[in-house]
Amino acid sequence: MRRSAAILAVAVGLSACGGSSASVDTTVPAAVPDTTLPAAVDRAVIVATNSVLQAFVQMVVGDSAEVLTVIPDGKDPHDFEPSAQDIAALNSADLIVQNGLDFEHGVEDSIETAAKAGVTVWTLTDHVTLIGEDPHVFTDPLTMAGAVDALATAVTALEGVSADAVSARSRLDAAASAAGTSISSLGAGKCRLVTDHDALAYFAKRFGCTVVGAVIPSFSSAAEASARDLEAVRKAAGSVKAIFMEEGAPDAVVRQVADELGIKLVELRIHALPADGSYTGYVQALADSITAALS
């Protein structure tokens, strides 16, 4: 295991990156007395690429491992560039958990370098049933439930790490049920979505929503809209109450379309955790935001 004082320094730095991921109990606060450091050193370190995956991993491993994240809460992961500290965290990890399908485009080279140096990399999208090429699999708790056993196998291969797959699946089932109740309150066929780009395929399929248009029909928020794309979304948006966009994504074109059509522009925290820092809270927050905007 790669335990050293350097790991602790990286953990302290990552916990200060900002956003709600910094409040997750699994990071090491800068003010922790020296007398507590040996316990932290003894735990395996798992680095997830973003905070939503971090919360998912934490659900499975509990307190048996130190679970960190690289991409700050709310930061668009499609164009994020890792710092030297982020790269050090990846290189020092016992396990890296990534989404895959080009979701963490700016971090891929750093992960590949860490893997070549011997760090084990676990990829979420290798263990779920995919819908086309949409990488946003984590918006559906039951899709995530399908990956729990594979993640449990990966983490328990690390020294001192345990996993509670049964509890994790139960909590994911409960999250799906609660979110489904929120969406169903809209009424049959009322969950119609126009988005800034294609990011809600898994959520929509799970909870009976229909994505009727996207300002930028791409899985990456870094793509650009064409005149044809904008005309198509103008027609589709005539029957909806809001355009949903990812927090932190480029918004100039999306805001222009929303203003032109006279409908709300609602930011969804697709890449960020709610105040409680939990994955189940994340799913519920998505459902509640969509329900409130469409009610």
C-alpha atoms as a PDB file:
ATOM      1  CA  MET A   1       0.000   0.000   0.000  1.00  0.00           C
ATOM      2  CA  ARG A   2       1.219   3.537  -0.823  1.00  0.00           C
ATOM      3  CA  ARG A   3       0.821   5.065   2.676  1.00  0.00           C
ATOM      4  CA  SER A   4       3.041   8.069   3.350  1.00  0.00           C
ATOM      5  CA  ALA A   5       2.997  11.609   4.699  1.00  0.00           C
ATOM      6  CA  ALA A   6       2.578  12.752   1.087  1.00  0.00           C
ATOM      7  CA  ILE A   7      -0.866  11.113   0.959  1.00  0.00           C
ATOM      8  CA  LEU A   8      -1.968  13.171   3.932  1.00  0.00           C
ATOM      9  CA  ALA A   9      -0.742  16.394   2.329  1.00  0.00           C
ATOM     10  CA  VAL A  10      -2.684  15.599  -0.836  1.00  0.00           C
ATOM     11  CA  ALA A  11      -5.808  14.793   1.171  1.00  0.00           C
ATOM     12  CA  VAL A  12      -5.614  18.104   3.007  1.00  0.00           C
ATOM     13  CA  GLY A  13      -5.224  19.989  -0.272  1.00  0.00           C
ATOM     14  CA  LEU A  14      -8.105  18.207  -1.961  1.00  0.00           C
ATOM     15  CA  SER A  15     -10.392  18.849   0.989  1.00  0.00           C
ATOM     16  CA  ALA A  16      -9.783  22.581   0.493  1.00  0.00           C
ATOM     17  CA  CYS A  17     -10.730  22.635  -3.198  1.00  0.00           C
ATOM     18  CA  GLY A  18     -14.171  24.110  -2.498  1.00  0.00           C
ATOM     19  CA  GLY A  19     -17.727  22.935  -3.156  1.00  0.00           C
ATOM     20  CA  SER A  20     -19.752  20.502  -1.089  1.00  0.00           C
ATOM     21  CA  SER A  21     -17.330  17.668  -1.752  1.00  0.00           C
ATOM     22  CA  ALA A  22     -14.953  19.407   0.639  1.00  0.00           C
ATOM     23  CA  SER A  23     -17.399  18.786   3.473  1.00  0.00           C
ATOM     24  CA  VAL A  24     -17.474  15.027   2.997  1.00  0.00           C
ATOM     25  CA  ASP A  25     -16.199  13.402   6.173  1.00  0.00           C
ATOM     26  CA  THR A  26     -13.769  11.216   4.255  1.00  0.00           C
ATOM     27  CA  THR A  27     -11.320  14.066   3.577  1.00  0.00           C
ATOM     28  CA  VAL A  28      -8.706  15.053   6.192  1.00  0.00           C
ATOM     29  CA  PRO A  29      -9.252  18.585   7.573  1.00  0.00           C
ATOM     30  CA  ALA A  30      -6.207  20.826   7.718  1.00  0.00           C
ATOM     31  CA  ALA A  31      -6.712  21.358  11.449  1.00  0.00           C
ATOM     32  CA  VAL A  32      -6.480  17.674  12.431  1.00  0.00           C
ATOM     33  CA  PRO A  33      -3.934  17.317  15.292  1.00  0.00           C
ATOM     34  CA  ASP A  34      -0.763  15.353  14.601  1.00  0.00           C
ATOM     35  CA  THR A  35      -1.869  12.691  17.068  1.00  0.00           C
ATOM     36  CA  THR A  36      -4.626  11.589  14.693  1.00  0.00           C
ATOM     37  CA  LEU A  37      -2.402  11.184  11.633  1.00  0.00           C
ATOM     38  CA  PRO A  38      -1.290   7.549  12.142  1.00  0.00           C
ATOM     39  CA  ALA A  39      -4.892   6.280  11.900  1.00  0.00           C
ATOM     40  CA  ALA A  40      -5.383   8.074   8.561  1.00  0.00           C
ATOM     41  CA  VAL A  41      -2.085   6.707   7.251  1.00  0.00           C
ATOM     42  CA  ASP A  42      -3.222   3.154   7.916  1.00  0.00           C
ATOM     43  CA  ARG A  43      -6.292   3.384   5.666  1.00  0.00           C
ATOM     44  CA  ALA A  44      -6.299   2.663   1.965  1.00  0.00           C
ATOM     45  CA  VAL A  45      -6.862   5.699  -0.262  1.00  0.00           C
ATOM     46  CA  ILE A  46      -9.440   5.548  -3.047  1.00  0.00           C
ATOM     47  CA  VAL A  47      -9.557   8.509  -5.442  1.00  0.00           C
ATOM     48  CA  ALA A  48     -12.802   9.009  -7.380  1.00  0.00           C
ATOM     49  CA  THR A  49     -12.753  11.410 -10.298  1.00  0.00           C
ATOM     50  CA  ASN A  50     -15.772  13.467  -9.185  1.00  0.00           C
ATOM     51  CA  SER A  51     -17.816  13.975  -6.036  1.00  0.00           C
ATOM     52  CA  VAL A  52     -20.849  11.956  -7.179  1.00  0.00           C
ATOM     53  CA  LEU A  53     -18.654   8.887  -7.679  1.00  0.00           C
ATOM     54  CA  GLN A  54     -16.936   9.691  -4.403  1.00  0.00           C
ATOM     55  CA  ALA A  55     -20.286   9.538  -2.586  1.00  0.00           C
ATOM     56  CA  PHE A  56     -21.172   6.288  -4.360  1.00  0.00           C
ATOM     57  CA  VAL A  57     -17.890   4.674  -3.325  1.00  0.00           C
ATOM     58  CA  GLN A  58     -18.339   5.949   0.238  1.00  0.00           C
ATOM     59  CA  MET A  59     -21.753   4.283   0.337  1.00  0.00           C
ATOM     60  CA  VAL A  60     -20.108   0.945  -0.406  1.00  0.00           C
ATOM     61  CA  VAL A  61     -16.964   1.159   1.761  1.00  0.00           C
ATOM     62  CA  GLY A  62     -18.202   3.242   4.699  1.00  0.00           C
ATOM     63  CA  ASP A  63     -15.331   4.378   6.911  1.00  0.00           C
ATOM     64  CA  SER A  64     -12.998   1.531   5.987  1.00  0.00           C
ATOM     65  CA  ALA A  65     -11.145   3.634   3.379  1.00  0.00           C
ATOM     66  CA  GLU A  66     -10.172   7.245   2.731  1.00  0.00           C
ATOM     67  CA  VAL A  67     -12.249   8.346  -0.286  1.00  0.00           C
ATOM     68  CA  LEU A  68     -11.116  11.510  -2.066  1.00  0.00           C
ATOM     69  CA  THR A  69     -12.173  13.293  -5.229  1.00  0.00           C
ATOM     70  CA  VAL A  70     -10.217  15.206  -7.872  1.00  0.00           C
ATOM     71  CA  ILE A  71     -12.786  17.292  -9.792  1.00  0.00           C
ATOM     72  CA  PRO A  72     -14.299  19.978  -7.504  1.00  0.00           C
ATOM     73  CA  ASP A  73     -18.033  19.936  -6.845  1.00  0.00           C
ATOM     74  CA  GLY A  74     -19.979  21.691  -9.586  1.00  0.00           C
ATOM     75  CA  LYS A  75     -16.994  21.951 -11.943  1.00  0.00           C
ATOM     76  CA  ASP A  76     -17.736  20.832 -15.498  1.00  0.00           C
ATOM     77  CA  PRO A  77     -15.836  17.499 -15.736  1.00  0.00           C
ATOM     78  CA  HIS A  78     -15.696  17.486 -19.510  1.00  0.00           C
ATOM     79  CA  ASP A  79     -13.031  20.195 -19.664  1.00  0.00           C
ATOM     80  CA  PHE A  80     -11.443  19.987 -16.202  1.00  0.00           C
ATOM     81  CA  GLU A  81      -7.642  20.029 -16.170  1.00  0.00           C
ATOM     82  CA  PRO A  82      -5.926  18.431 -13.144  1.00  0.00           C
ATOM     83  CA  SER A  83      -3.402  20.360 -11.068  1.00  0.00           C
ATOM     84  CA  ALA A  84      -0.052  18.976  -9.938  1.00  0.00           C
ATOM     85  CA  GLN A  85      -1.705  18.141  -6.609  1.00  0.00           C
ATOM     86  CA  ASP A  86      -4.507  16.253  -8.369  1.00  0.00           C
ATOM     87  CA  ILE A  87      -1.955  14.247 -10.347  1.00  0.00           C
ATOM     88  CA  ALA A  88      -0.073  13.455  -7.143  1.00  0.00           C
ATOM     89  CA  ALA A  89      -3.297  12.172  -5.572  1.00  0.00           C
ATOM     90  CA  LEU A  90      -3.942   9.882  -8.538  1.00  0.00           C
ATOM     91  CA  ASN A  91      -0.383   8.555  -8.551  1.00  0.00           C
ATOM     92  CA  SER A  92      -0.498   7.862  -4.812  1.00  0.00           C
ATOM     93  CA  ALA A  93      -3.909   6.156  -4.744  1.00  0.00           C
ATOM     94  CA  ASP A  94      -4.501   2.508  -3.940  1.00  0.00           C
ATOM     95  CA  LEU A  95      -7.489   2.573  -6.314  1.00  0.00           C
ATOM     96  CA  ILE A  96      -8.824   5.082  -8.829  1.00  0.00           C
ATOM     97  CA  VAL A  97     -12.554   5.062  -9.594  1.00  0.00           C
ATOM     98  CA  GLN A  98     -13.480   6.730 -12.868  1.00  0.00           C
ATOM     99  CA  ASN A  99     -16.694   7.025 -14.866  1.00  0.00           C
ATOM    100  CA  GLY A 100     -15.339   6.289 -18.349  1.00  0.00           C
ATOM    101  CA  LEU A 101     -16.848   6.938 -21.801  1.00  0.00           C
ATOM    102  CA  ASP A 102     -14.698  10.091 -22.115  1.00  0.00           C
ATOM    103  CA  PHE A 103     -16.548  11.722 -19.203  1.00  0.00           C
ATOM    104  CA  GLU A 104     -13.333  12.858 -17.493  1.00  0.00           C
ATOM    105  CA  HIS A 105     -11.653  13.913 -20.728  1.00  0.00           C
ATOM    106  CA  GLY A 106      -9.111  16.250 -19.159  1.00  0.00           C
ATOM    107  CA  VAL A 107      -8.050  13.728 -16.517  1.00  0.00           C
ATOM    108  CA  GLU A 108      -7.684  10.682 -18.774  1.00  0.00           C
ATOM    109  CA  ASP A 109      -3.971  11.123 -19.508  1.00  0.00           C
ATOM    110  CA  SER A 110      -3.181  11.478 -15.804  1.00  0.00           C
ATOM    111  CA  ILE A 111      -5.188   8.355 -14.980  1.00  0.00           C
ATOM    112  CA  GLU A 112      -3.445   6.427 -17.733  1.00  0.00           C
ATOM    113  CA  THR A 113      -0.059   7.501 -16.361  1.00  0.00           C
ATOM    114  CA  ALA A 114      -1.047   6.382 -12.853  1.00  0.00           C
ATOM    115  CA  ALA A 115      -2.246   3.043 -14.229  1.00  0.00           C
ATOM    116  CA  LYS A 116       1.074   2.483 -16.007  1.00  0.00           C
ATOM    117  CA  ALA A 117       2.800   3.132 -12.692  1.00  0.00           C
ATOM    118  CA  GLY A 118       0.791   0.337 -11.098  1.00  0.00           C
ATOM    119  CA  VAL A 119      -2.309   2.036  -9.674  1.00  0.00           C
ATOM    120  CA  THR A 120      -5.472  -0.063 -10.129  1.00  0.00           C
ATOM    121  CA  VAL A 121      -8.229   1.726 -12.070  1.00  0.00           C
ATOM    122  CA  TRP A 122     -11.896   0.730 -11.791  1.00  0.00           C
ATOM    123  CA  THR A 123     -14.246   2.094 -14.485  1.00  0.00           C
ATOM    124  CA  LEU A 124     -17.947   2.434 -13.680  1.00  0.00           C
ATOM    125  CA  THR A 125     -19.200   2.172 -17.257  1.00  0.00           C
ATOM    126  CA  ASP A 126     -17.524  -1.224 -17.657  1.00  0.00           C
ATOM    127  CA  HIS A 127     -19.987  -2.645 -15.125  1.00  0.00           C
ATOM    128  CA  VAL A 128     -23.406  -1.253 -16.059  1.00  0.00           C
ATOM    129  CA  THR A 129     -25.919  -1.611 -18.879  1.00  0.00           C
ATOM    130  CA  LEU A 130     -25.248   1.318 -21.180  1.00  0.00           C
ATOM    131  CA  ILE A 131     -27.685   3.529 -23.088  1.00  0.00           C
ATOM    132  CA  GLY A 132     -25.810   4.458 -26.232  1.00  0.00           C
ATOM    133  CA  GLU A 133     -22.745   6.604 -25.527  1.00  0.00           C
ATOM    134  CA  ASP A 134     -24.182   8.822 -22.793  1.00  0.00           C
ATOM    135  CA  PRO A 135     -21.619   8.766 -19.946  1.00  0.00           C
ATOM    136  CA  HIS A 136     -23.976  10.171 -17.277  1.00  0.00           C
ATOM    137  CA  VAL A 137     -24.869   6.738 -15.889  1.00  0.00           C
ATOM    138  CA  PHE A 138     -24.708   7.986 -12.291  1.00  0.00           C
ATOM    139  CA  THR A 139     -28.001   9.913 -12.632  1.00  0.00           C
ATOM    140  CA  ASP A 140     -29.891   6.602 -12.279  1.00  0.00           C
ATOM    141  CA  PRO A 141     -29.553   4.853  -8.894  1.00  0.00           C
ATOM    142  CA  LEU A 142     -30.692   1.478 -10.218  1.00  0.00           C
ATOM    143  CA  THR A 143     -28.101   1.543 -12.986  1.00  0.00           C
ATOM    144  CA  MET A 144     -25.570   2.256 -10.242  1.00  0.00           C
ATOM    145  CA  ALA A 145     -26.926  -0.646  -8.203  1.00  0.00           C
ATOM    146  CA  GLY A 146     -25.865  -2.942 -11.013  1.00  0.00           C
ATOM    147  CA  ALA A 147     -22.234  -1.952 -10.429  1.00  0.00           C
ATOM    148  CA  VAL A 148     -22.171  -2.409  -6.651  1.00  0.00           C
ATOM    149  CA  ASP A 149     -20.937  -6.009  -6.617  1.00  0.00           C
ATOM    150  CA  ALA A 150     -18.118  -5.248  -9.046  1.00  0.00           C
ATOM    151  CA  LEU A 151     -17.036  -2.249  -6.984  1.00  0.00           C
ATOM    152  CA  ALA A 152     -17.216  -4.302  -3.798  1.00  0.00           C
ATOM    153  CA  THR A 153     -14.876  -6.874  -5.341  1.00  0.00           C
ATOM    154  CA  ALA A 154     -12.406  -4.150  -6.336  1.00  0.00           C
ATOM    155  CA  VAL A 155     -12.322  -2.373  -2.982  1.00  0.00           C
ATOM    156  CA  THR A 156     -12.106  -5.486  -0.821  1.00  0.00           C
ATOM    157  CA  ALA A 157      -8.940  -6.440  -2.704  1.00  0.00           C
ATOM    158  CA  LEU A 158      -7.335  -3.510  -0.863  1.00  0.00           C
ATOM    159  CA  GLU A 159      -5.838  -4.172   2.549  1.00  0.00           C
ATOM    160  CA  GLY A 160      -8.217  -3.312   5.380  1.00  0.00           C
ATOM    161  CA  VAL A 161     -11.141  -2.262   3.178  1.00  0.00           C
ATOM    162  CA  SER A 162     -14.591  -3.782   3.636  1.00  0.00           C
ATOM    163  CA  ALA A 163     -17.771  -3.382   1.577  1.00  0.00           C
ATOM    164  CA  ASP A 164     -21.472  -3.623   2.379  1.00  0.00           C
ATOM    165  CA  ALA A 165     -23.037  -4.357  -1.003  1.00  0.00           C
ATOM    166  CA  VAL A 166     -26.401  -5.396   0.462  1.00  0.00           C
ATOM    167  CA  SER A 167     -26.862  -2.116   2.337  1.00  0.00           C
ATOM    168  CA  ALA A 168     -25.699  -0.076  -0.656  1.00  0.00           C
ATOM    169  CA  ARG A 169     -28.187  -1.737  -3.007  1.00  0.00           C
ATOM    170  CA  SER A 170     -30.986  -1.244  -0.486  1.00  0.00           C
ATOM    171  CA  ARG A 171     -30.227   2.455  -0.215  1.00  0.00           C
ATOM    172  CA  LEU A 172     -30.082   2.789  -4.007  1.00  0.00           C
ATOM    173  CA  ASP A 173     -33.469   1.077  -4.326  1.00  0.00           C
ATOM    174  CA  ALA A 174     -34.912   3.478  -1.761  1.00  0.00           C
ATOM    175  CA  ALA A 175     -33.424   6.454  -3.602  1.00  0.00           C
ATOM    176  CA  ALA A 176     -35.025   5.316  -6.873  1.00  0.00           C
ATOM    177  CA  SER A 177     -38.385   4.893  -5.180  1.00  0.00           C
ATOM    178  CA  ALA A 178     -38.302   8.328  -3.549  1.00  0.00           C
ATOM    179  CA  ALA A 179     -37.183  10.106  -6.718  1.00  0.00           C
ATOM    180  CA  GLY A 180     -39.819   8.248  -8.719  1.00  0.00           C
ATOM    181  CA  THR A 181     -42.502   9.464  -6.322  1.00  0.00           C
ATOM    182  CA  SER A 182     -41.409  13.055  -6.888  1.00  0.00           C
ATOM    183  CA  ILE A 183     -41.446  12.776 -10.678  1.00  0.00           C
ATOM    184  CA  SER A 184     -44.771  10.896 -10.768  1.00  0.00           C
ATOM    185  CA  SER A 185     -46.415  13.803  -8.922  1.00  0.00           C
ATOM    186  CA  LEU A 186     -46.209  15.722 -12.213  1.00  0.00           C
ATOM    187  CA  GLY A 187     -48.677  13.337 -13.812  1.00  0.00           C
ATOM    188  CA  ALA A 188     -48.321  10.879 -16.675  1.00  0.00           C
ATOM    189  CA  GLY A 189     -46.403  12.281 -19.653  1.00  0.00           C
ATOM    190  CA  LYS A 190     -45.712  15.610 -17.936  1.00  0.00           C
ATOM    191  CA  CYS A 191     -41.990  15.139 -17.407  1.00  0.00           C
ATOM    192  CA  ARG A 192     -40.806  16.594 -20.722  1.00  0.00           C
ATOM    193  CA  LEU A 193     -37.244  17.868 -20.775  1.00  0.00           C
ATOM    194  CA  VAL A 194     -35.203  20.211 -22.928  1.00  0.00           C
ATOM    195  CA  THR A 195     -31.559  20.243 -21.859  1.00  0.00           C
ATOM    196  CA  ASP A 196     -28.423  22.197 -22.692  1.00  0.00           C
ATOM    197  CA  HIS A 197     -26.783  18.968 -23.914  1.00  0.00           C
ATOM    198  CA  ASP A 198     -27.478  15.241 -23.719  1.00  0.00           C
ATOM    199  CA  ALA A 199     -26.996  14.392 -20.040  1.00  0.00           C
ATOM    200  CA  LEU A 200     -30.259  12.934 -18.733  1.00  0.00           C
ATOM    201  CA  ALA A 201     -30.832   9.774 -20.784  1.00  0.00           C
ATOM    202  CA  TYR A 202     -30.469   7.457 -17.777  1.00  0.00           C
ATOM    203  CA  PHE A 203     -32.520   9.619 -15.433  1.00  0.00           C
ATOM    204  CA  ALA A 204     -35.247  10.088 -18.037  1.00  0.00           C
ATOM    205  CA  LYS A 205     -35.544   6.398 -18.856  1.00  0.00           C
ATOM    206  CA  ARG A 206     -35.661   5.373 -15.203  1.00  0.00           C
ATOM    207  CA  PHE A 207     -38.299   7.866 -14.140  1.00  0.00           C
ATOM    208  CA  GLY A 208     -40.523   8.030 -17.212  1.00  0.00           C
ATOM    209  CA  CYS A 209     -39.396  11.405 -18.534  1.00  0.00           C
ATOM    210  CA  THR A 210     -39.012  12.329 -22.195  1.00  0.00           C
ATOM    211  CA  VAL A 211     -36.058  14.359 -23.475  1.00  0.00           C
ATOM    212  CA  VAL A 212     -37.670  16.303 -26.321  1.00  0.00           C
ATOM    213  CA  GLY A 213     -34.639  18.368 -27.293  1.00  0.00           C
ATOM    214  CA  ALA A 214     -31.103  19.499 -26.513  1.00  0.00           C
ATOM    215  CA  VAL A 215     -29.603  22.893 -27.353  1.00  0.00           C
ATOM    216  CA  ILE A 216     -26.331  21.090 -28.085  1.00  0.00           C
ATOM    217  CA  PRO A 217     -27.075  17.463 -29.048  1.00  0.00           C
ATOM    218  CA  SER A 218     -23.798  16.130 -27.684  1.00  0.00           C
ATOM    219  CA  PHE A 219     -22.727  14.265 -24.560  1.00  0.00           C
ATOM    220  CA  SER A 220     -20.069  16.900 -23.903  1.00  0.00           C
ATOM    221  CA  SER A 221     -20.877  20.412 -22.728  1.00  0.00           C
ATOM    222  CA  ALA A 222     -17.749  21.548 -24.580  1.00  0.00           C
ATOM    223  CA  ALA A 223     -19.481  21.015 -27.961  1.00  0.00           C
ATOM    224  CA  GLU A 224     -21.059  23.890 -29.882  1.00  0.00           C
ATOM    225  CA  ALA A 225     -24.588  24.404 -31.186  1.00  0.00           C
ATOM    226  CA  SER A 226     -25.351  24.669 -34.896  1.00  0.00           C
ATOM    227  CA  ALA A 227     -28.137  26.708 -36.489  1.00  0.00           C
ATOM    228  CA  ARG A 228     -30.037  23.474 -37.177  1.00  0.00           C
ATOM    229  CA  ASP A 229     -29.677  22.405 -33.529  1.00  0.00           C
ATOM    230  CA  LEU A 230     -31.035  25.714 -32.293  1.00  0.00           C
ATOM    231  CA  GLU A 231     -34.007  25.648 -34.669  1.00  0.00           C
ATOM    232  CA  ALA A 232     -34.885  22.099 -33.577  1.00  0.00           C
ATOM    233  CA  VAL A 233     -34.786  23.013 -29.896  1.00  0.00           C
ATOM    234  CA  ARG A 234     -36.887  26.133 -30.483  1.00  0.00           C
ATOM    235  CA  LYS A 235     -39.622  23.928 -31.907  1.00  0.00           C
ATOM    236  CA  ALA A 236     -39.317  21.325 -29.159  1.00  0.00           C
ATOM    237  CA  ALA A 237     -39.255  23.907 -26.371  1.00  0.00           C
ATOM    238  CA  GLY A 238     -42.648  25.270 -27.342  1.00  0.00           C
ATOM    239  CA  SER A 239     -44.302  22.521 -25.285  1.00  0.00           C
ATOM    240  CA  VAL A 240     -42.125  22.684 -22.159  1.00  0.00           C
ATOM    241  CA  LYS A 241     -41.812  24.975 -19.160  1.00  0.00           C
ATOM    242  CA  ALA A 242     -38.058  25.099 -18.747  1.00  0.00           C
ATOM    243  CA  ILE A 243     -34.669  24.412 -20.250  1.00  0.00           C
ATOM    244  CA  PHE A 244     -32.368  22.477 -17.948  1.00  0.00           C
ATOM    245  CA  MET A 245     -28.636  23.036 -18.028  1.00  0.00           C
ATOM    246  CA  GLU A 246     -25.723  21.615 -16.077  1.00  0.00           C
ATOM    247  CA  GLU A 247     -24.305  23.836 -13.378  1.00  0.00           C
ATOM    248  CA  GLY A 248     -20.904  25.090 -14.476  1.00  0.00           C
ATOM    249  CA  ALA A 249     -21.444  24.428 -18.195  1.00  0.00           C
ATOM    250  CA  PRO A 250     -21.090  27.239 -20.799  1.00  0.00           C
ATOM    251  CA  ASP A 251     -24.428  29.038 -20.733  1.00  0.00           C
ATOM    252  CA  ALA A 252     -24.454  31.945 -23.206  1.00  0.00           C
ATOM    253  CA  VAL A 253     -26.268  30.155 -26.042  1.00  0.00           C
ATOM    254  CA  VAL A 254     -28.639  28.321 -23.701  1.00  0.00           C
ATOM    255  CA  ARG A 255     -29.606  31.555 -21.939  1.00  0.00           C
ATOM    256  CA  GLN A 256     -30.212  33.229 -25.300  1.00  0.00           C
ATOM    257  CA  VAL A 257     -32.601  30.459 -26.361  1.00  0.00           C
ATOM    258  CA  ALA A 258     -34.439  30.517 -23.024  1.00  0.00           C
ATOM    259  CA  ASP A 259     -34.825  34.306 -23.175  1.00  0.00           C
ATOM    260  CA  GLU A 260     -36.019  34.159 -26.775  1.00  0.00           C
ATOM    261  CA  LEU A 261     -38.672  31.565 -25.921  1.00  0.00           C
ATOM    262  CA  GLY A 262     -39.667  33.230 -22.679  1.00  0.00           C
ATOM    263  CA  ILE A 263     -39.196  30.100 -20.560  1.00  0.00           C
ATOM    264  CA  LYS A 264     -37.204  29.392 -17.425  1.00  0.00           C
ATOM    265  CA  LEU A 265     -33.576  28.321 -17.445  1.00  0.00           C
ATOM    266  CA  VAL A 266     -32.987  25.921 -14.562  1.00  0.00           C
ATOM    267  CA  GLU A 267     -29.530  24.809 -13.457  1.00  0.00           C
ATOM    268  CA  LEU A 268     -29.218  21.170 -12.422  1.00  0.00           C
ATOM    269  CA  ARG A 269     -26.377  20.118 -10.134  1.00  0.00           C
ATOM    270  CA  ILE A 270     -25.582  17.056 -12.234  1.00  0.00           C
ATOM    271  CA  HIS A 271     -21.936  17.048 -11.130  1.00  0.00           C
ATOM    272  CA  ALA A 272     -22.369  18.205  -7.532  1.00  0.00           C
ATOM    273  CA  LEU A 273     -23.618  16.842  -4.243  1.00  0.00           C
ATOM    274  CA  PRO A 274     -26.304  18.419  -2.032  1.00  0.00           C
ATOM    275  CA  ALA A 275     -25.585  19.676   1.483  1.00  0.00           C
ATOM    276  CA  ASP A 276     -25.741  16.200   3.039  1.00  0.00           C
ATOM    277  CA  GLY A 277     -22.951  14.969   0.737  1.00  0.00           C
ATOM    278  CA  SER A 278     -24.734  11.687  -0.045  1.00  0.00           C
ATOM    279  CA  TYR A 279     -25.443   9.918  -3.314  1.00  0.00           C
ATOM    280  CA  THR A 280     -29.064   9.273  -2.316  1.00  0.00           C
ATOM    281  CA  GLY A 281     -29.461  12.981  -1.575  1.00  0.00           C
ATOM    282  CA  TYR A 282     -27.968  13.739  -4.992  1.00  0.00           C
ATOM    283  CA  VAL A 283     -30.616  11.683  -6.798  1.00  0.00           C
ATOM    284  CA  GLN A 284     -33.420  13.235  -4.765  1.00  0.00           C
ATOM    285  CA  ALA A 285     -32.113  16.744  -5.420  1.00  0.00           C
ATOM    286  CA  LEU A 286     -32.176  16.115  -9.186  1.00  0.00           C
ATOM    287  CA  ALA A 287     -35.748  14.820  -9.002  1.00  0.00           C
ATOM    288  CA  ASP A 288     -36.919  17.671  -6.789  1.00  0.00           C
ATOM    289  CA  SER A 289     -35.321  20.332  -9.014  1.00  0.00           C
ATOM    290  CA  ILE A 290     -36.968  18.918 -12.134  1.00  0.00           C
ATOM    291  CA  THR A 291     -40.332  18.476 -10.418  1.00  0.00           C
ATOM    292  CA  ALA A 292     -40.317  22.029  -9.050  1.00  0.00           C
ATOM    293  CA  ALA A 293     -39.452  23.521 -12.441  1.00  0.00           C
ATOM    294  CA  LEU A 294     -42.159  21.592 -14.288  1.00  0.00           C
ATOM    295  CA  SER A 295     -44.942  21.896 -11.707  1.00  0.00           C
END
